[in-house]
N, C-alpha and C. Protein backbone atom coordinates (compact mmCIF):
# COMPACT_ATOMS: atom_id res chain seq x y z
N UNK A 1 78.41 -24.30 248.58
CA UNK A 1 76.99 -24.08 248.77
C UNK A 1 76.25 -24.27 247.44
N UNK A 2 75.11 -24.89 247.56
CA UNK A 2 74.20 -25.06 246.42
C UNK A 2 72.87 -24.43 246.80
N UNK A 3 72.29 -23.69 245.89
CA UNK A 3 71.01 -23.03 246.11
C UNK A 3 69.99 -23.61 245.13
N UNK A 4 68.83 -23.95 245.66
CA UNK A 4 67.78 -24.57 244.85
C UNK A 4 66.47 -23.83 245.05
N UNK A 5 65.82 -23.50 243.96
CA UNK A 5 64.49 -22.92 244.02
C UNK A 5 63.54 -23.87 243.30
N UNK A 6 62.64 -24.43 244.07
CA UNK A 6 61.59 -25.30 243.54
C UNK A 6 60.46 -24.36 243.12
N UNK A 7 60.12 -24.39 241.85
CA UNK A 7 59.22 -23.39 241.27
C UNK A 7 58.07 -24.10 240.56
N UNK A 8 56.90 -24.06 241.19
CA UNK A 8 55.72 -24.68 240.57
C UNK A 8 55.26 -23.83 239.39
N UNK A 9 54.87 -24.49 238.32
CA UNK A 9 54.40 -23.77 237.13
C UNK A 9 53.29 -22.79 237.47
N UNK A 10 53.14 -21.77 236.63
CA UNK A 10 52.07 -20.79 236.79
C UNK A 10 50.72 -21.43 236.46
N UNK A 11 49.65 -20.73 236.79
CA UNK A 11 48.29 -21.24 236.61
C UNK A 11 48.04 -21.63 235.16
N UNK A 12 47.54 -22.85 234.98
CA UNK A 12 47.29 -23.34 233.63
C UNK A 12 45.83 -23.15 233.24
N UNK A 13 45.59 -23.18 231.95
CA UNK A 13 44.26 -22.98 231.39
C UNK A 13 43.49 -24.29 231.32
N UNK A 14 42.22 -24.19 231.64
CA UNK A 14 41.32 -25.34 231.51
C UNK A 14 40.23 -25.03 230.49
N UNK A 15 40.49 -24.07 229.58
CA UNK A 15 39.50 -23.69 228.58
C UNK A 15 39.08 -24.87 227.72
N UNK A 16 40.03 -25.73 227.40
CA UNK A 16 39.73 -26.92 226.60
C UNK A 16 39.88 -28.15 227.50
N UNK A 17 38.76 -28.63 228.06
CA UNK A 17 38.84 -29.75 229.01
C UNK A 17 39.31 -31.06 228.35
N UNK A 18 39.31 -31.11 227.03
CA UNK A 18 39.71 -32.34 226.33
C UNK A 18 41.17 -32.31 225.88
N UNK A 19 41.83 -31.18 226.10
CA UNK A 19 43.23 -31.06 225.72
C UNK A 19 44.08 -31.98 226.60
N UNK A 20 45.03 -32.66 226.00
CA UNK A 20 45.95 -33.50 226.76
C UNK A 20 46.62 -32.67 227.85
N UNK A 21 46.67 -33.19 229.06
CA UNK A 21 47.20 -32.46 230.22
C UNK A 21 48.61 -31.93 229.96
N UNK A 22 49.43 -32.68 229.30
CA UNK A 22 50.81 -32.30 229.01
C UNK A 22 50.88 -31.04 228.14
N UNK A 23 49.83 -30.80 227.37
CA UNK A 23 49.83 -29.69 226.41
C UNK A 23 49.13 -28.43 226.92
N UNK A 24 48.58 -28.48 228.14
CA UNK A 24 47.82 -27.33 228.62
C UNK A 24 48.70 -26.09 228.74
N UNK A 25 48.25 -24.96 228.16
CA UNK A 25 49.01 -23.71 228.23
C UNK A 25 48.73 -22.97 229.53
N UNK A 26 49.38 -21.85 229.69
CA UNK A 26 49.11 -21.00 230.84
C UNK A 26 47.80 -20.25 230.66
N UNK A 27 47.10 -20.05 231.76
CA UNK A 27 45.89 -19.23 231.77
C UNK A 27 46.30 -17.76 231.84
N UNK A 28 45.34 -16.89 231.66
CA UNK A 28 45.61 -15.45 231.75
C UNK A 28 46.28 -15.11 233.08
N UNK A 29 45.80 -15.69 234.18
CA UNK A 29 46.39 -15.43 235.49
C UNK A 29 47.85 -15.90 235.52
N UNK A 30 48.13 -17.05 234.92
CA UNK A 30 49.50 -17.54 234.86
C UNK A 30 50.41 -16.63 234.06
N UNK A 31 49.90 -16.12 232.95
CA UNK A 31 50.68 -15.19 232.12
C UNK A 31 50.93 -13.87 232.85
N UNK A 32 50.07 -13.51 233.78
CA UNK A 32 50.24 -12.31 234.59
C UNK A 32 51.21 -12.58 235.75
N UNK A 33 51.03 -13.73 236.43
CA UNK A 33 51.82 -14.01 237.63
C UNK A 33 53.28 -14.37 237.33
N UNK A 34 53.53 -15.10 236.25
CA UNK A 34 54.90 -15.57 235.98
C UNK A 34 55.92 -14.44 235.87
N UNK A 35 55.66 -13.38 235.09
CA UNK A 35 56.66 -12.31 235.05
C UNK A 35 56.77 -11.56 236.38
N UNK A 36 55.67 -11.42 237.11
CA UNK A 36 55.72 -10.75 238.41
C UNK A 36 56.60 -11.53 239.39
N UNK A 37 56.45 -12.85 239.40
CA UNK A 37 57.25 -13.66 240.31
C UNK A 37 58.73 -13.65 239.90
N UNK A 38 58.98 -13.62 238.60
CA UNK A 38 60.36 -13.53 238.12
C UNK A 38 60.98 -12.21 238.56
N UNK A 39 60.22 -11.15 238.49
CA UNK A 39 60.72 -9.84 238.92
C UNK A 39 61.00 -9.81 240.42
N UNK A 40 60.23 -10.56 241.18
CA UNK A 40 60.48 -10.63 242.62
C UNK A 40 61.80 -11.36 242.89
N UNK A 41 62.10 -12.39 242.10
CA UNK A 41 63.40 -13.05 242.23
C UNK A 41 64.52 -12.06 241.91
N UNK A 42 64.33 -11.34 240.82
CA UNK A 42 65.34 -10.37 240.39
C UNK A 42 65.55 -9.30 241.46
N UNK A 43 64.45 -8.78 242.00
CA UNK A 43 64.52 -7.76 243.05
C UNK A 43 65.25 -8.29 244.29
N UNK A 44 65.13 -9.61 244.54
CA UNK A 44 65.80 -10.24 245.67
C UNK A 44 67.27 -10.55 245.39
N UNK A 45 67.75 -10.18 244.22
CA UNK A 45 69.16 -10.40 243.88
C UNK A 45 69.49 -11.84 243.51
N UNK A 46 68.45 -12.61 243.17
CA UNK A 46 68.67 -14.03 242.83
C UNK A 46 69.00 -14.13 241.34
N UNK A 47 70.15 -14.72 241.08
CA UNK A 47 70.65 -14.84 239.71
C UNK A 47 71.02 -16.30 239.43
N UNK A 48 70.05 -17.10 239.02
CA UNK A 48 70.32 -18.53 238.79
C UNK A 48 71.25 -18.76 237.61
N UNK A 49 72.05 -19.81 237.72
CA UNK A 49 72.92 -20.20 236.61
C UNK A 49 72.50 -21.52 236.00
N UNK A 50 71.33 -22.04 236.42
CA UNK A 50 70.82 -23.29 235.84
C UNK A 50 69.30 -23.30 235.92
N UNK A 51 68.66 -23.60 234.79
CA UNK A 51 67.21 -23.77 234.72
C UNK A 51 66.94 -25.20 234.29
N UNK A 52 66.08 -25.88 235.04
CA UNK A 52 65.68 -27.26 234.75
C UNK A 52 64.17 -27.29 234.80
N UNK A 53 63.52 -27.83 233.76
CA UNK A 53 62.07 -27.78 233.71
C UNK A 53 61.47 -29.07 233.18
N UNK A 54 60.29 -29.38 233.72
CA UNK A 54 59.43 -30.39 233.10
C UNK A 54 59.18 -29.93 231.67
N UNK A 55 58.95 -30.87 230.78
CA UNK A 55 58.67 -30.49 229.39
C UNK A 55 57.18 -30.25 229.13
N UNK A 56 56.34 -30.29 230.17
CA UNK A 56 54.92 -29.95 230.01
C UNK A 56 54.82 -28.48 229.62
N UNK A 57 53.88 -28.16 228.77
CA UNK A 57 53.76 -26.81 228.21
C UNK A 57 53.70 -25.74 229.30
N UNK A 58 52.92 -25.95 230.35
CA UNK A 58 52.76 -24.92 231.39
C UNK A 58 54.05 -24.69 232.18
N UNK A 59 54.82 -25.74 232.41
CA UNK A 59 56.10 -25.60 233.11
C UNK A 59 57.12 -24.92 232.20
N UNK A 60 57.19 -25.35 230.93
CA UNK A 60 58.12 -24.72 229.98
C UNK A 60 57.83 -23.24 229.84
N UNK A 61 56.54 -22.89 229.70
CA UNK A 61 56.17 -21.48 229.53
C UNK A 61 56.59 -20.66 230.75
N UNK A 62 56.39 -21.21 231.93
CA UNK A 62 56.80 -20.51 233.16
C UNK A 62 58.31 -20.33 233.17
N UNK A 63 59.06 -21.36 232.80
CA UNK A 63 60.52 -21.28 232.74
C UNK A 63 60.98 -20.25 231.71
N UNK A 64 60.35 -20.23 230.54
CA UNK A 64 60.74 -19.29 229.49
C UNK A 64 60.47 -17.84 229.91
N UNK A 65 59.32 -17.60 230.53
CA UNK A 65 58.99 -16.24 230.99
C UNK A 65 59.97 -15.81 232.08
N UNK A 66 60.29 -16.72 232.98
CA UNK A 66 61.24 -16.41 234.05
C UNK A 66 62.62 -16.13 233.48
N UNK A 67 63.05 -16.96 232.54
CA UNK A 67 64.36 -16.76 231.91
C UNK A 67 64.44 -15.39 231.23
N UNK A 68 63.39 -15.04 230.52
CA UNK A 68 63.38 -13.74 229.83
C UNK A 68 63.53 -12.60 230.84
N UNK A 69 62.82 -12.68 231.94
CA UNK A 69 62.86 -11.63 232.96
C UNK A 69 64.19 -11.58 233.72
N UNK A 70 64.87 -12.72 233.83
CA UNK A 70 66.14 -12.78 234.54
C UNK A 70 67.34 -12.74 233.60
N UNK A 71 67.07 -12.54 232.31
CA UNK A 71 68.12 -12.46 231.28
C UNK A 71 68.95 -13.74 231.23
N UNK A 72 68.26 -14.86 231.37
CA UNK A 72 68.90 -16.17 231.26
C UNK A 72 68.61 -16.68 229.85
N UNK A 73 69.60 -17.22 229.14
CA UNK A 73 69.37 -17.69 227.77
C UNK A 73 68.36 -18.85 227.71
N UNK A 74 67.28 -18.63 226.98
CA UNK A 74 66.23 -19.65 226.88
C UNK A 74 66.76 -20.97 226.31
N UNK A 75 67.73 -20.88 225.41
CA UNK A 75 68.27 -22.10 224.79
C UNK A 75 69.11 -22.92 225.76
N UNK A 76 69.39 -22.39 226.95
CA UNK A 76 70.14 -23.14 227.96
C UNK A 76 69.24 -23.79 229.00
N UNK A 77 67.93 -23.62 228.86
CA UNK A 77 66.99 -24.27 229.78
C UNK A 77 66.99 -25.77 229.47
N UNK A 78 67.21 -26.58 230.48
CA UNK A 78 67.23 -28.04 230.31
C UNK A 78 65.80 -28.54 230.52
N UNK A 79 65.24 -29.16 229.48
CA UNK A 79 63.90 -29.74 229.57
C UNK A 79 64.04 -31.22 229.90
N UNK A 80 63.38 -31.63 230.98
CA UNK A 80 63.49 -33.01 231.46
C UNK A 80 62.10 -33.65 231.50
N UNK A 81 61.77 -34.48 230.52
CA UNK A 81 60.46 -35.15 230.52
C UNK A 81 60.18 -35.92 231.81
N UNK A 82 61.22 -36.40 232.47
CA UNK A 82 61.06 -37.19 233.70
C UNK A 82 60.43 -36.36 234.83
N UNK A 83 60.48 -35.04 234.75
CA UNK A 83 59.93 -34.19 235.81
C UNK A 83 58.40 -34.04 235.72
N UNK A 84 57.81 -34.45 234.61
CA UNK A 84 56.36 -34.33 234.46
C UNK A 84 55.67 -35.27 235.44
N UNK A 85 55.00 -34.69 236.43
CA UNK A 85 54.30 -35.42 237.50
C UNK A 85 55.18 -36.46 238.18
N UNK A 86 56.42 -36.09 238.42
CA UNK A 86 57.39 -37.00 239.03
C UNK A 86 57.20 -37.06 240.54
N UNK A 87 57.68 -38.15 241.11
CA UNK A 87 57.71 -38.32 242.57
C UNK A 87 58.84 -37.47 243.14
N UNK A 88 58.80 -37.26 244.45
CA UNK A 88 59.86 -36.52 245.13
C UNK A 88 61.22 -37.16 244.89
N UNK A 89 61.28 -38.48 244.95
CA UNK A 89 62.56 -39.18 244.75
C UNK A 89 63.10 -38.97 243.35
N UNK A 90 62.24 -39.02 242.36
CA UNK A 90 62.67 -38.81 240.98
C UNK A 90 63.15 -37.37 240.78
N UNK A 91 62.43 -36.42 241.35
CA UNK A 91 62.83 -35.01 241.23
C UNK A 91 64.19 -34.81 241.88
N UNK A 92 64.37 -35.35 243.09
CA UNK A 92 65.63 -35.20 243.81
C UNK A 92 66.78 -35.83 243.02
N UNK A 93 66.58 -37.02 242.49
CA UNK A 93 67.64 -37.67 241.70
C UNK A 93 68.00 -36.83 240.47
N UNK A 94 67.01 -36.21 239.86
CA UNK A 94 67.26 -35.37 238.68
C UNK A 94 68.06 -34.13 239.08
N UNK A 95 67.69 -33.53 240.20
CA UNK A 95 68.43 -32.35 240.70
C UNK A 95 69.86 -32.74 241.06
N UNK A 96 70.04 -33.91 241.63
CA UNK A 96 71.38 -34.35 242.03
C UNK A 96 72.31 -34.58 240.84
N UNK A 97 71.75 -34.56 239.63
CA UNK A 97 72.56 -34.70 238.42
C UNK A 97 72.90 -33.37 237.76
N UNK A 98 72.54 -32.26 238.41
CA UNK A 98 72.92 -30.95 237.89
C UNK A 98 74.45 -30.87 237.93
N UNK A 99 75.07 -30.31 236.89
CA UNK A 99 76.53 -30.18 236.90
C UNK A 99 77.02 -29.37 238.11
N UNK A 100 78.09 -29.82 238.71
CA UNK A 100 78.58 -29.21 239.95
C UNK A 100 79.10 -27.78 239.80
N UNK A 101 79.42 -27.36 238.58
CA UNK A 101 79.85 -25.97 238.41
C UNK A 101 78.67 -25.00 238.44
N UNK A 102 77.46 -25.51 238.50
CA UNK A 102 76.26 -24.68 238.66
C UNK A 102 75.97 -24.55 240.15
N UNK A 103 75.59 -23.34 240.59
CA UNK A 103 75.43 -23.10 242.02
C UNK A 103 74.00 -22.74 242.45
N UNK A 104 73.25 -22.11 241.56
CA UNK A 104 71.87 -21.71 241.89
C UNK A 104 70.95 -22.21 240.78
N UNK A 105 70.10 -23.17 241.14
CA UNK A 105 69.23 -23.81 240.15
C UNK A 105 67.76 -23.50 240.42
N UNK A 106 67.04 -23.21 239.34
CA UNK A 106 65.58 -23.12 239.37
C UNK A 106 65.06 -24.40 238.74
N UNK A 107 64.13 -25.06 239.41
CA UNK A 107 63.54 -26.29 238.88
C UNK A 107 62.03 -26.07 238.78
N UNK A 108 61.50 -26.17 237.56
CA UNK A 108 60.09 -25.92 237.27
C UNK A 108 59.36 -27.24 237.09
N UNK A 109 58.22 -27.38 237.80
CA UNK A 109 57.47 -28.62 237.68
C UNK A 109 56.13 -28.55 238.36
N UNK A 110 55.75 -29.66 239.00
CA UNK A 110 54.36 -29.90 239.37
C UNK A 110 54.19 -30.44 240.79
N UNK A 111 53.00 -30.25 241.29
CA UNK A 111 52.54 -30.95 242.49
C UNK A 111 51.85 -32.23 242.05
N UNK A 112 51.79 -33.24 242.88
CA UNK A 112 52.15 -33.28 244.29
C UNK A 112 53.64 -33.52 244.55
N UNK A 113 54.41 -33.83 243.52
CA UNK A 113 55.83 -34.14 243.71
C UNK A 113 56.62 -33.03 244.38
N UNK A 114 56.32 -31.77 244.03
CA UNK A 114 57.05 -30.66 244.64
C UNK A 114 56.74 -30.55 246.13
N UNK A 115 55.46 -30.68 246.50
CA UNK A 115 55.13 -30.64 247.93
C UNK A 115 55.90 -31.73 248.67
N UNK A 116 55.90 -32.92 248.11
CA UNK A 116 56.57 -34.06 248.74
C UNK A 116 58.08 -33.82 248.86
N UNK A 117 58.68 -33.21 247.83
CA UNK A 117 60.11 -32.92 247.88
C UNK A 117 60.42 -31.89 248.96
N UNK A 118 59.59 -30.86 249.06
CA UNK A 118 59.79 -29.85 250.10
C UNK A 118 59.77 -30.51 251.47
N UNK A 119 58.79 -31.37 251.71
CA UNK A 119 58.70 -32.08 253.00
C UNK A 119 59.91 -32.97 253.21
N UNK A 120 60.33 -33.67 252.16
CA UNK A 120 61.47 -34.59 252.24
C UNK A 120 62.75 -33.84 252.62
N UNK A 121 62.86 -32.59 252.17
CA UNK A 121 64.05 -31.79 252.46
C UNK A 121 63.92 -31.02 253.78
N UNK A 122 62.80 -31.20 254.48
CA UNK A 122 62.63 -30.58 255.78
C UNK A 122 61.88 -29.27 255.78
N UNK A 123 61.34 -28.88 254.63
CA UNK A 123 60.56 -27.65 254.56
C UNK A 123 59.14 -27.87 255.04
N UNK A 124 58.50 -26.80 255.46
CA UNK A 124 57.13 -26.86 255.95
C UNK A 124 56.23 -26.05 255.02
N UNK A 125 55.25 -26.72 254.43
CA UNK A 125 54.27 -26.04 253.58
C UNK A 125 53.07 -26.95 253.45
N UNK A 126 51.88 -26.36 253.45
CA UNK A 126 50.67 -27.16 253.21
C UNK A 126 50.57 -27.51 251.74
N UNK A 127 50.75 -26.48 250.89
CA UNK A 127 50.62 -26.66 249.46
C UNK A 127 51.37 -25.54 248.76
N UNK A 128 52.27 -25.90 247.86
CA UNK A 128 52.96 -24.89 247.05
C UNK A 128 51.99 -24.48 245.95
N UNK A 129 51.50 -23.23 245.98
CA UNK A 129 50.51 -22.82 244.98
C UNK A 129 51.15 -22.62 243.61
N UNK A 130 50.31 -22.47 242.60
CA UNK A 130 50.84 -22.22 241.26
C UNK A 130 51.68 -20.95 241.30
N UNK A 131 52.78 -21.00 240.62
CA UNK A 131 53.78 -19.93 240.54
C UNK A 131 54.48 -19.72 241.88
N UNK A 132 54.31 -20.67 242.81
CA UNK A 132 54.98 -20.59 244.09
C UNK A 132 56.43 -21.02 243.98
N UNK A 133 57.26 -20.43 244.83
CA UNK A 133 58.69 -20.71 244.85
C UNK A 133 59.10 -21.07 246.27
N UNK A 134 59.87 -22.14 246.40
CA UNK A 134 60.39 -22.56 247.71
C UNK A 134 61.88 -22.74 247.55
N UNK A 135 62.65 -21.91 248.25
CA UNK A 135 64.10 -21.94 248.11
C UNK A 135 64.79 -22.65 249.26
N UNK A 136 65.81 -23.42 248.93
CA UNK A 136 66.67 -24.09 249.90
C UNK A 136 68.11 -23.71 249.63
N UNK A 137 68.90 -23.64 250.69
CA UNK A 137 70.35 -23.52 250.59
C UNK A 137 70.92 -24.80 251.20
N UNK A 138 71.87 -25.40 250.50
CA UNK A 138 72.48 -26.64 250.96
C UNK A 138 73.95 -26.40 251.27
N UNK A 139 74.37 -26.87 252.41
CA UNK A 139 75.78 -26.82 252.79
C UNK A 139 76.46 -28.01 252.13
N UNK A 140 76.71 -27.85 250.84
CA UNK A 140 77.29 -28.93 250.02
C UNK A 140 78.01 -28.31 248.83
N UNK A 141 79.05 -28.95 248.37
CA UNK A 141 79.76 -28.50 247.18
C UNK A 141 79.37 -29.31 245.95
N UNK A 142 78.62 -30.38 246.19
CA UNK A 142 78.29 -31.32 245.13
C UNK A 142 76.77 -31.54 245.16
N UNK A 143 76.11 -31.43 244.01
CA UNK A 143 74.66 -31.63 243.95
C UNK A 143 74.26 -33.02 244.44
N UNK A 144 75.12 -34.00 244.24
CA UNK A 144 74.79 -35.36 244.66
C UNK A 144 74.67 -35.48 246.18
N UNK A 145 75.24 -34.53 246.91
CA UNK A 145 75.24 -34.56 248.37
C UNK A 145 74.03 -33.88 249.00
N UNK A 146 73.20 -33.20 248.20
CA UNK A 146 72.10 -32.44 248.81
C UNK A 146 71.03 -33.37 249.38
N UNK A 147 70.47 -32.94 250.49
CA UNK A 147 69.42 -33.71 251.14
C UNK A 147 68.98 -33.00 252.41
N UNK A 148 68.12 -33.62 253.17
CA UNK A 148 67.57 -33.00 254.38
C UNK A 148 68.67 -32.65 255.40
N UNK A 149 69.71 -33.48 255.46
CA UNK A 149 70.75 -33.28 256.47
C UNK A 149 71.52 -31.97 256.29
N UNK A 150 71.58 -31.44 255.06
CA UNK A 150 72.33 -30.21 254.85
C UNK A 150 71.47 -29.10 254.24
N UNK A 151 70.14 -29.23 254.34
CA UNK A 151 69.21 -28.25 253.77
C UNK A 151 68.81 -27.21 254.81
N UNK A 152 68.70 -25.99 254.34
CA UNK A 152 68.20 -24.89 255.17
C UNK A 152 67.20 -24.12 254.30
N UNK A 153 66.03 -23.82 254.86
CA UNK A 153 65.04 -23.05 254.10
C UNK A 153 65.60 -21.66 253.86
N UNK A 154 65.53 -21.23 252.62
CA UNK A 154 66.03 -19.93 252.18
C UNK A 154 64.87 -18.93 252.16
N UNK A 155 63.81 -19.25 251.42
CA UNK A 155 62.65 -18.38 251.33
C UNK A 155 61.47 -19.14 250.75
N UNK A 156 60.29 -18.59 250.93
CA UNK A 156 59.07 -19.08 250.31
C UNK A 156 58.35 -17.86 249.76
N UNK A 157 57.89 -17.95 248.51
CA UNK A 157 57.16 -16.84 247.90
C UNK A 157 56.11 -17.41 246.96
N UNK A 158 55.03 -16.68 246.81
CA UNK A 158 53.95 -17.07 245.91
C UNK A 158 53.15 -15.81 245.58
N UNK A 159 52.38 -15.84 244.50
CA UNK A 159 51.74 -14.61 244.02
C UNK A 159 50.89 -13.87 245.04
N UNK A 160 50.15 -14.56 245.89
CA UNK A 160 49.25 -13.87 246.82
C UNK A 160 49.91 -13.53 248.15
N UNK A 161 51.20 -13.83 248.29
CA UNK A 161 51.91 -13.52 249.54
C UNK A 161 52.13 -12.02 249.65
N UNK A 162 51.81 -11.50 250.81
CA UNK A 162 52.03 -10.07 251.08
C UNK A 162 53.48 -9.86 251.50
N UNK A 163 54.12 -8.89 250.87
CA UNK A 163 55.53 -8.66 251.22
C UNK A 163 55.68 -7.63 252.30
């Protein structure tokens, strides 16, 4: 079994409209929501053994905050520039290259690619909001084998969701 959590970055700041998009930091709301969402993962007993993130500042910051809250070593977070505004196919190919000894992966990145990937894997969502998490369980022993045919929705969570 392989477990995947698609995790959209927390809310980013638009204080400086001229700042390069790749460099945009988290907004105050993002800095508030990211640790809360990480704690919800922890409370759910989710203990990832692999973190993969876009190298955009807002995605990295969300990954680092999540790692800190889940006691995952920040220096083991894999930063993948290819995930920055990637297509669903590119994201899936990147995930399929996760080492097979890893079983539960968090992947931090962006829409619209994440929405498209969720749909491609058979999940139903209108829009994955900022700091939203969409989990899949795959009946597979190898990351290269994951896809819609062996995907099962595990959970969906986001900051404004009532528990």
